[in-house]
Amino acid sequence: MKDQTKEKSRENSKFTTLATIVLMTIIGFFIGKIDFQKPEVKVTETKISREIPTIKLQKREGDKIFAEISGNVKITWADNYALEDSGIIYWSQIPTEDDLKLNDFKYVGNAKTKKFYPAKSYPARGTEVRYRRFFQTKDEAISAGFVPSKLVK
């Protein structure tokens, strides 16, 4: 009986060894299938172009400038006016260098009519640049030969 037990023990040992080898082979096979490297990150370069706000001046008719606006833009002029969408800009509302002088003086005289007006009044702004004369005081304008308009107080 001892011989049979030894023989069964050997067979069990062989079977266990064979099963272990097969099991290790299967495990090794599956471990070999695992990718231990980090996946490669694919970088794609894309140009991003910003939309450039565009102001297309279409035409000028008399005192009007017709403008078409595309993009997010705001046009301001004379500190009081703004245009955020396509529309009309009035040429006379856009200040020139001479218009900006109106803020430096209290009175503007019209050399053609010989009248003077408050600098911020409509008639002062409407006086042609070549006929404009600038004064700080009423007396200065009167002594230069100008007559006060109804707007001068």
N, C-alpha and C. Protein backbone atom coordinates (compact mmCIF):
# COMPACT_ATOMS: atom_id res chain seq x y z
N MET A 1 0.77 -1.16 0.00
CA MET A 1 0.00 0.00 0.00
C MET A 1 0.83 1.26 0.00
N LYS A 2 1.93 1.14 0.61
CA LYS A 2 2.83 2.28 0.65
C LYS A 2 3.26 2.64 -0.76
N ASP A 3 3.45 1.63 -1.59
CA ASP A 3 3.89 1.88 -2.97
C ASP A 3 2.77 2.59 -3.74
N GLN A 4 1.55 2.14 -3.51
CA GLN A 4 0.43 2.79 -4.22
C GLN A 4 0.28 4.24 -3.78
N THR A 5 0.44 4.51 -2.55
CA THR A 5 0.31 5.87 -2.02
C THR A 5 1.43 6.74 -2.58
N LYS A 6 2.64 6.18 -2.66
CA LYS A 6 3.76 6.94 -3.20
C LYS A 6 3.50 7.24 -4.67
N GLU A 7 2.97 6.22 -5.37
CA GLU A 7 2.73 6.39 -6.80
C GLU A 7 1.62 7.44 -7.02
N LYS A 8 0.57 7.41 -6.22
CA LYS A 8 -0.50 8.39 -6.34
C LYS A 8 0.03 9.79 -6.00
N SER A 9 0.88 9.85 -5.05
CA SER A 9 1.48 11.12 -4.63
C SER A 9 2.33 11.67 -5.77
N ARG A 10 3.07 10.79 -6.47
CA ARG A 10 3.88 11.22 -7.61
C ARG A 10 2.97 11.70 -8.75
N GLU A 11 1.90 10.95 -9.00
CA GLU A 11 0.98 11.33 -10.08
C GLU A 11 0.33 12.67 -9.75
N ASN A 12 -0.06 12.84 -8.51
CA ASN A 12 -0.65 14.11 -8.08
C ASN A 12 0.37 15.24 -8.22
N SER A 13 1.57 14.93 -7.87
CA SER A 13 2.64 15.93 -7.96
C SER A 13 2.88 16.30 -9.42
N LYS A 14 2.87 15.31 -10.33
CA LYS A 14 3.06 15.56 -11.76
C LYS A 14 1.88 16.38 -12.30
N PHE A 15 0.68 15.98 -11.87
CA PHE A 15 -0.52 16.69 -12.32
C PHE A 15 -0.49 18.13 -11.82
N THR A 16 -0.14 18.32 -10.60
CA THR A 16 -0.06 19.66 -10.02
C THR A 16 0.99 20.48 -10.74
N THR A 17 2.13 19.88 -11.03
CA THR A 17 3.19 20.59 -11.75
C THR A 17 2.71 20.96 -13.15
N LEU A 18 2.09 19.99 -13.83
CA LEU A 18 1.59 20.24 -15.18
C LEU A 18 0.50 21.32 -15.15
N ALA A 19 -0.41 21.24 -14.20
CA ALA A 19 -1.48 22.24 -14.06
C ALA A 19 -0.88 23.60 -13.75
N THR A 20 0.14 23.63 -12.93
CA THR A 20 0.79 24.90 -12.60
C THR A 20 1.45 25.49 -13.84
N ILE A 21 2.12 24.64 -14.63
CA ILE A 21 2.78 25.10 -15.85
C ILE A 21 1.74 25.65 -16.84
N VAL A 22 0.64 24.91 -17.02
CA VAL A 22 -0.42 25.36 -17.94
C VAL A 22 -1.02 26.67 -17.43
N LEU A 23 -1.31 26.74 -16.15
CA LEU A 23 -1.88 27.94 -15.56
C LEU A 23 -0.94 29.13 -15.71
N MET A 24 0.34 28.93 -15.46
CA MET A 24 1.34 29.99 -15.58
C MET A 24 1.47 30.44 -17.05
N THR A 25 1.36 29.47 -17.96
CA THR A 25 1.43 29.79 -19.38
C THR A 25 0.25 30.66 -19.78
N ILE A 26 -0.93 30.30 -19.31
CA ILE A 26 -2.13 31.09 -19.63
C ILE A 26 -2.02 32.49 -19.02
N ILE A 27 -1.59 32.55 -17.78
CA ILE A 27 -1.43 33.84 -17.11
C ILE A 27 -0.39 34.68 -17.86
N GLY A 28 0.71 34.07 -18.23
CA GLY A 28 1.77 34.75 -18.97
C GLY A 28 1.27 35.27 -20.32
N PHE A 29 0.42 34.46 -20.95
CA PHE A 29 -0.15 34.86 -22.24
C PHE A 29 -0.97 36.14 -22.07
N PHE A 30 -1.83 36.17 -21.06
CA PHE A 30 -2.68 37.34 -20.85
C PHE A 30 -1.89 38.55 -20.36
N ILE A 31 -0.88 38.30 -19.54
CA ILE A 31 -0.03 39.41 -19.09
C ILE A 31 0.71 40.01 -20.29
N GLY A 32 1.10 39.18 -21.22
CA GLY A 32 1.77 39.65 -22.42
C GLY A 32 0.87 40.52 -23.29
N LYS A 33 -0.42 40.33 -23.19
CA LYS A 33 -1.37 41.12 -23.97
C LYS A 33 -1.58 42.52 -23.37
N ILE A 34 -1.26 42.70 -22.11
CA ILE A 34 -1.47 43.98 -21.44
C ILE A 34 -0.39 44.96 -21.90
N ASP A 35 -0.81 46.16 -22.25
CA ASP A 35 0.12 47.20 -22.67
C ASP A 35 0.38 48.10 -21.47
N PHE A 36 1.60 48.03 -20.97
CA PHE A 36 1.94 48.78 -19.77
C PHE A 36 2.44 50.20 -20.08
N GLN A 37 2.58 50.52 -21.35
CA GLN A 37 3.00 51.87 -21.72
C GLN A 37 1.79 52.78 -21.76
N LYS A 38 2.04 54.06 -21.44
CA LYS A 38 0.96 55.04 -21.52
C LYS A 38 0.58 55.22 -22.98
N PRO A 39 -0.68 55.38 -23.24
CA PRO A 39 -1.08 55.58 -24.63
C PRO A 39 -0.47 56.87 -25.17
N GLU A 40 -0.09 56.85 -26.41
CA GLU A 40 0.52 58.01 -27.04
C GLU A 40 -0.56 59.06 -27.27
N VAL A 41 -0.28 60.27 -26.81
CA VAL A 41 -1.21 61.37 -26.98
C VAL A 41 -0.92 62.03 -28.32
N LYS A 42 -1.93 62.10 -29.12
CA LYS A 42 -1.77 62.69 -30.44
C LYS A 42 -2.16 64.17 -30.35
N VAL A 43 -1.22 65.05 -30.67
CA VAL A 43 -1.45 66.49 -30.59
C VAL A 43 -1.74 67.00 -31.99
N THR A 44 -2.85 67.68 -32.10
CA THR A 44 -3.23 68.27 -33.37
C THR A 44 -3.17 69.77 -33.22
N GLU A 45 -2.44 70.43 -34.09
CA GLU A 45 -2.32 71.88 -34.04
C GLU A 45 -3.38 72.50 -34.94
N THR A 46 -4.16 73.40 -34.36
CA THR A 46 -5.21 74.06 -35.11
C THR A 46 -5.02 75.56 -35.00
N LYS A 47 -5.05 76.24 -36.11
CA LYS A 47 -4.94 77.69 -36.08
C LYS A 47 -6.29 78.27 -35.67
N ILE A 48 -6.23 79.17 -34.70
CA ILE A 48 -7.44 79.85 -34.25
C ILE A 48 -7.36 81.26 -34.81
N SER A 49 -8.32 81.60 -35.59
CA SER A 49 -8.31 82.95 -36.14
C SER A 49 -9.44 83.74 -35.49
N ARG A 50 -9.07 84.86 -34.93
CA ARG A 50 -10.07 85.72 -34.32
C ARG A 50 -10.77 86.51 -35.42
N GLU A 51 -12.02 86.75 -35.19
CA GLU A 51 -12.75 87.57 -36.14
C GLU A 51 -12.31 89.01 -35.93
N ILE A 52 -11.91 89.64 -36.99
CA ILE A 52 -11.48 91.03 -36.90
C ILE A 52 -12.68 91.92 -37.14
N PRO A 53 -13.01 92.78 -36.15
CA PRO A 53 -14.14 93.67 -36.36
C PRO A 53 -13.87 94.56 -37.58
N THR A 54 -14.85 94.70 -38.42
CA THR A 54 -14.68 95.47 -39.65
C THR A 54 -15.74 96.55 -39.74
N ILE A 55 -15.30 97.73 -40.13
CA ILE A 55 -16.19 98.84 -40.38
C ILE A 55 -16.02 99.19 -41.85
N LYS A 56 -17.06 98.95 -42.60
CA LYS A 56 -17.00 99.22 -44.04
C LYS A 56 -17.81 100.48 -44.32
N LEU A 57 -17.09 101.57 -44.66
CA LEU A 57 -17.78 102.80 -45.02
C LEU A 57 -18.28 102.63 -46.44
N GLN A 58 -19.59 102.69 -46.60
CA GLN A 58 -20.19 102.37 -47.89
C GLN A 58 -20.25 103.57 -48.82
N LYS A 59 -20.80 104.67 -48.33
CA LYS A 59 -20.93 105.85 -49.19
C LYS A 59 -21.17 107.08 -48.34
N ARG A 60 -21.02 108.23 -48.98
CA ARG A 60 -21.30 109.51 -48.32
C ARG A 60 -22.28 110.27 -49.19
N GLU A 61 -23.38 110.65 -48.59
CA GLU A 61 -24.39 111.45 -49.27
C GLU A 61 -24.61 112.71 -48.45
N GLY A 62 -24.13 113.82 -48.95
CA GLY A 62 -24.29 115.07 -48.21
C GLY A 62 -23.63 114.98 -46.85
N ASP A 63 -24.43 115.06 -45.80
CA ASP A 63 -23.93 115.06 -44.43
C ASP A 63 -23.94 113.66 -43.81
N LYS A 64 -24.27 112.64 -44.57
CA LYS A 64 -24.41 111.28 -44.04
C LYS A 64 -23.32 110.36 -44.58
N ILE A 65 -22.79 109.55 -43.67
CA ILE A 65 -21.86 108.49 -44.05
C ILE A 65 -22.58 107.18 -43.73
N PHE A 66 -22.68 106.29 -44.68
CA PHE A 66 -23.34 105.01 -44.47
C PHE A 66 -22.26 103.98 -44.15
N ALA A 67 -22.41 103.30 -43.03
CA ALA A 67 -21.39 102.34 -42.58
C ALA A 67 -22.02 100.98 -42.33
N GLU A 68 -21.27 99.93 -42.65
CA GLU A 68 -21.68 98.56 -42.36
C GLU A 68 -20.67 98.00 -41.36
N ILE A 69 -21.16 97.48 -40.25
CA ILE A 69 -20.29 96.97 -39.19
C ILE A 69 -20.45 95.46 -39.10
N SER A 70 -19.32 94.74 -39.07
CA SER A 70 -19.38 93.30 -38.83
C SER A 70 -18.42 92.98 -37.69
N GLY A 71 -18.85 92.12 -36.82
CA GLY A 71 -18.04 91.80 -35.65
C GLY A 71 -18.47 92.65 -34.47
N ASN A 72 -17.86 92.40 -33.34
CA ASN A 72 -18.20 93.09 -32.11
C ASN A 72 -17.37 94.36 -32.01
N VAL A 73 -17.95 95.46 -32.42
CA VAL A 73 -17.22 96.74 -32.43
C VAL A 73 -18.19 97.87 -32.09
N LYS A 74 -17.64 98.92 -31.56
CA LYS A 74 -18.45 100.09 -31.24
C LYS A 74 -17.66 101.30 -31.72
N ILE A 75 -18.31 102.17 -32.48
CA ILE A 75 -17.67 103.39 -32.97
C ILE A 75 -18.21 104.53 -32.12
N THR A 76 -17.32 105.35 -31.58
CA THR A 76 -17.76 106.53 -30.83
C THR A 76 -17.11 107.77 -31.43
N TRP A 77 -17.81 108.86 -31.35
CA TRP A 77 -17.26 110.13 -31.78
C TRP A 77 -17.94 111.24 -31.02
N ALA A 78 -17.23 112.34 -30.83
CA ALA A 78 -17.72 113.52 -30.13
C ALA A 78 -18.22 113.20 -28.72
N ASP A 79 -17.73 112.13 -28.14
CA ASP A 79 -18.04 111.70 -26.77
C ASP A 79 -19.51 111.41 -26.48
N ASN A 80 -20.41 111.80 -27.38
CA ASN A 80 -21.84 111.61 -27.11
C ASN A 80 -22.51 110.64 -28.06
N TYR A 81 -21.85 110.29 -29.13
CA TYR A 81 -22.49 109.49 -30.16
C TYR A 81 -21.80 108.13 -30.27
N ALA A 82 -22.57 107.11 -30.55
CA ALA A 82 -22.01 105.77 -30.72
C ALA A 82 -22.81 105.03 -31.78
N LEU A 83 -22.12 104.14 -32.45
CA LEU A 83 -22.76 103.30 -33.46
C LEU A 83 -22.28 101.88 -33.21
N GLU A 84 -23.19 100.97 -32.89
CA GLU A 84 -22.83 99.59 -32.59
C GLU A 84 -23.32 98.62 -33.65
N ASP A 85 -24.12 99.10 -34.55
CA ASP A 85 -24.68 98.25 -35.59
C ASP A 85 -24.63 99.05 -36.89
N SER A 86 -24.79 98.39 -38.00
CA SER A 86 -24.76 99.10 -39.28
C SER A 86 -25.76 100.24 -39.26
N GLY A 87 -25.38 101.36 -39.87
CA GLY A 87 -26.29 102.49 -39.85
C GLY A 87 -25.67 103.71 -40.47
N ILE A 88 -26.11 104.88 -39.99
CA ILE A 88 -25.70 106.15 -40.57
C ILE A 88 -24.92 106.95 -39.53
N ILE A 89 -23.81 107.55 -39.98
CA ILE A 89 -23.03 108.48 -39.17
C ILE A 89 -23.19 109.84 -39.84
N TYR A 90 -23.48 110.88 -39.05
CA TYR A 90 -23.60 112.22 -39.62
C TYR A 90 -22.24 112.90 -39.61
N TRP A 91 -21.80 113.28 -40.80
CA TRP A 91 -20.47 113.85 -41.00
C TRP A 91 -20.25 115.05 -40.10
N SER A 92 -21.25 115.89 -39.94
CA SER A 92 -21.10 117.12 -39.14
C SER A 92 -20.92 116.81 -37.65
N GLN A 93 -21.22 115.59 -37.23
CA GLN A 93 -21.07 115.25 -35.82
C GLN A 93 -19.67 114.76 -35.48
N ILE A 94 -18.88 114.48 -36.50
CA ILE A 94 -17.52 113.99 -36.25
C ILE A 94 -16.62 115.21 -36.02
N PRO A 95 -16.01 115.30 -34.84
CA PRO A 95 -15.23 116.51 -34.54
C PRO A 95 -13.91 116.55 -35.32
N THR A 96 -13.57 117.75 -35.73
CA THR A 96 -12.28 117.98 -36.37
C THR A 96 -11.38 118.67 -35.35
N GLU A 97 -10.15 118.96 -35.74
CA GLU A 97 -9.25 119.65 -34.83
C GLU A 97 -9.81 121.02 -34.45
N ASP A 98 -10.42 121.68 -35.41
CA ASP A 98 -11.02 123.00 -35.13
C ASP A 98 -12.24 122.88 -34.22
N ASP A 99 -12.97 121.79 -34.37
CA ASP A 99 -14.12 121.59 -33.48
C ASP A 99 -13.66 121.41 -32.04
N LEU A 100 -12.54 120.76 -31.86
CA LEU A 100 -12.03 120.55 -30.52
C LEU A 100 -11.62 121.86 -29.86
N LYS A 101 -11.28 122.87 -30.65
CA LYS A 101 -10.95 124.19 -30.10
C LYS A 101 -12.17 124.82 -29.44
N LEU A 102 -13.36 124.42 -29.87
CA LEU A 102 -14.58 124.96 -29.29
C LEU A 102 -14.63 124.73 -27.79
N ASN A 103 -14.01 123.65 -27.32
CA ASN A 103 -14.00 123.35 -25.89
C ASN A 103 -13.01 124.24 -25.13
N ASP A 104 -12.06 124.85 -25.85
CA ASP A 104 -11.05 125.68 -25.19
C ASP A 104 -11.49 127.13 -25.01
N PHE A 105 -12.53 127.54 -25.75
CA PHE A 105 -12.98 128.93 -25.70
C PHE A 105 -14.45 128.99 -25.33
N LYS A 106 -14.85 130.14 -24.75
CA LYS A 106 -16.25 130.31 -24.34
C LYS A 106 -17.13 130.76 -25.50
N TYR A 107 -16.53 131.52 -26.43
CA TYR A 107 -17.33 132.09 -27.51
C TYR A 107 -16.66 131.86 -28.87
N VAL A 108 -17.51 131.73 -29.89
CA VAL A 108 -17.04 131.57 -31.26
C VAL A 108 -17.73 132.62 -32.10
N GLY A 109 -16.92 133.41 -32.82
CA GLY A 109 -17.49 134.43 -33.70
C GLY A 109 -17.51 133.94 -35.14
N ASN A 110 -18.52 134.42 -35.88
CA ASN A 110 -18.62 134.11 -37.30
C ASN A 110 -18.18 135.38 -38.05
N ALA A 111 -17.01 135.34 -38.68
CA ALA A 111 -16.45 136.52 -39.35
C ALA A 111 -17.31 136.96 -40.53
N LYS A 112 -18.10 136.08 -41.08
CA LYS A 112 -18.96 136.41 -42.22
C LYS A 112 -20.17 137.25 -41.77
N THR A 113 -20.79 136.85 -40.65
CA THR A 113 -21.99 137.55 -40.16
C THR A 113 -21.67 138.56 -39.07
N LYS A 114 -20.46 138.51 -38.54
CA LYS A 114 -20.00 139.38 -37.45
C LYS A 114 -20.80 139.18 -36.15
N LYS A 115 -21.36 137.97 -35.97
CA LYS A 115 -22.05 137.63 -34.72
C LYS A 115 -21.19 136.62 -33.97
N PHE A 116 -21.37 136.58 -32.64
CA PHE A 116 -20.67 135.54 -31.87
C PHE A 116 -21.67 134.76 -31.02
N TYR A 117 -21.31 133.51 -30.71
CA TYR A 117 -22.20 132.54 -30.06
C TYR A 117 -21.46 131.82 -28.94
N PRO A 118 -22.21 131.24 -28.00
CA PRO A 118 -21.55 130.36 -27.03
C PRO A 118 -20.89 129.19 -27.79
N ALA A 119 -19.69 128.83 -27.38
CA ALA A 119 -18.88 127.84 -28.12
C ALA A 119 -19.57 126.49 -28.26
N LYS A 120 -20.40 126.13 -27.31
CA LYS A 120 -21.03 124.80 -27.37
C LYS A 120 -22.41 124.82 -28.04
N SER A 121 -22.76 125.93 -28.63
CA SER A 121 -24.08 126.03 -29.27
C SER A 121 -24.02 125.51 -30.70
N TYR A 122 -25.18 125.20 -31.22
CA TYR A 122 -25.27 124.68 -32.59
C TYR A 122 -24.74 125.67 -33.63
N PRO A 123 -25.10 126.97 -33.55
CA PRO A 123 -24.57 127.91 -34.55
C PRO A 123 -23.04 128.02 -34.52
N ALA A 124 -22.44 127.90 -33.35
CA ALA A 124 -20.97 127.95 -33.26
C ALA A 124 -20.36 126.74 -33.96
N ARG A 125 -20.93 125.57 -33.70
CA ARG A 125 -20.41 124.36 -34.35
C ARG A 125 -20.67 124.37 -35.84
N GLY A 126 -21.75 125.05 -36.26
CA GLY A 126 -22.12 125.08 -37.67
C GLY A 126 -21.38 126.14 -38.48
N THR A 127 -20.65 127.01 -37.80
CA THR A 127 -19.90 128.05 -38.50
C THR A 127 -18.76 127.42 -39.29
N GLU A 128 -18.63 127.79 -40.54
CA GLU A 128 -17.54 127.24 -41.36
C GLU A 128 -16.20 127.54 -40.69
N VAL A 129 -15.30 126.61 -40.78
CA VAL A 129 -14.01 126.71 -40.11
C VAL A 129 -13.27 127.99 -40.52
N ARG A 130 -13.32 128.35 -41.77
CA ARG A 130 -12.57 129.53 -42.23
C ARG A 130 -13.13 130.84 -41.66
N TYR A 131 -14.38 130.85 -41.19
CA TYR A 131 -14.97 132.06 -40.63
C TYR A 131 -14.97 132.08 -39.10
N ARG A 132 -14.47 131.04 -38.48
CA ARG A 132 -14.48 130.96 -37.01
C ARG A 132 -13.41 131.86 -36.39
N ARG A 133 -13.84 132.56 -35.34
CA ARG A 133 -12.92 133.34 -34.53
C ARG A 133 -13.22 132.99 -33.08
N PHE A 134 -12.20 132.80 -32.27
CA PHE A 134 -12.38 132.31 -30.91
C PHE A 134 -12.11 133.43 -29.89
N PHE A 135 -12.99 133.48 -28.85
CA PHE A 135 -12.87 134.51 -27.82
C PHE A 135 -13.12 133.88 -26.44
N GLN A 136 -12.40 134.41 -25.43
CA GLN A 136 -12.60 133.93 -24.06
C GLN A 136 -13.71 134.71 -23.35
N THR A 137 -13.87 135.97 -23.69
CA THR A 137 -14.88 136.81 -23.01
C THR A 137 -15.77 137.51 -24.04
N LYS A 138 -16.91 138.02 -23.55
CA LYS A 138 -17.83 138.80 -24.40
C LYS A 138 -17.15 140.10 -24.83
N ASP A 139 -16.49 140.75 -23.87
CA ASP A 139 -15.84 142.03 -24.17
C ASP A 139 -14.79 141.88 -25.26
N GLU A 140 -14.08 140.79 -25.24
CA GLU A 140 -13.06 140.52 -26.26
C GLU A 140 -13.71 140.41 -27.64
N ALA A 141 -14.84 139.73 -27.72
CA ALA A 141 -15.56 139.58 -29.00
C ALA A 141 -16.13 140.91 -29.47
N ILE A 142 -16.72 141.68 -28.55
CA ILE A 142 -17.31 142.97 -28.90
C ILE A 142 -16.23 143.94 -29.36
N SER A 143 -15.08 143.94 -28.65
CA SER A 143 -14.00 144.84 -29.05
C SER A 143 -13.40 144.45 -30.40
N ALA A 144 -13.59 143.21 -30.83
CA ALA A 144 -13.11 142.75 -32.14
C ALA A 144 -14.14 143.06 -33.22
N GLY A 145 -15.26 143.66 -32.86
CA GLY A 145 -16.25 144.07 -33.85
C GLY A 145 -17.39 143.09 -34.05
N PHE A 146 -17.55 142.16 -33.14
CA PHE A 146 -18.64 141.18 -33.25
C PHE A 146 -19.82 141.59 -32.37
N VAL A 147 -21.02 141.18 -32.80
CA VAL A 147 -22.26 141.48 -32.08
C VAL A 147 -22.75 140.18 -31.43
N PRO A 148 -23.19 140.25 -30.14
CA PRO A 148 -23.69 139.02 -29.51
C PRO A 148 -24.98 138.54 -30.15
N SER A 149 -25.10 137.24 -30.32
CA SER A 149 -26.35 136.65 -30.84
C SER A 149 -27.35 136.54 -29.71
N LYS A 150 -28.58 136.12 -30.03
CA LYS A 150 -29.62 135.94 -29.01
C LYS A 150 -29.25 134.88 -27.99
N LEU A 151 -28.34 133.97 -28.35
CA LEU A 151 -27.97 132.86 -27.46
C LEU A 151 -26.97 133.31 -26.38
N VAL A 152 -26.33 134.44 -26.58
CA VAL A 152 -25.34 134.93 -25.60
C VAL A 152 -26.11 135.61 -24.45
N LYS A 153 -25.85 135.17 -23.23
CA LYS A 153 -26.55 135.72 -22.05
C LYS A 153 -25.61 136.52 -21.21
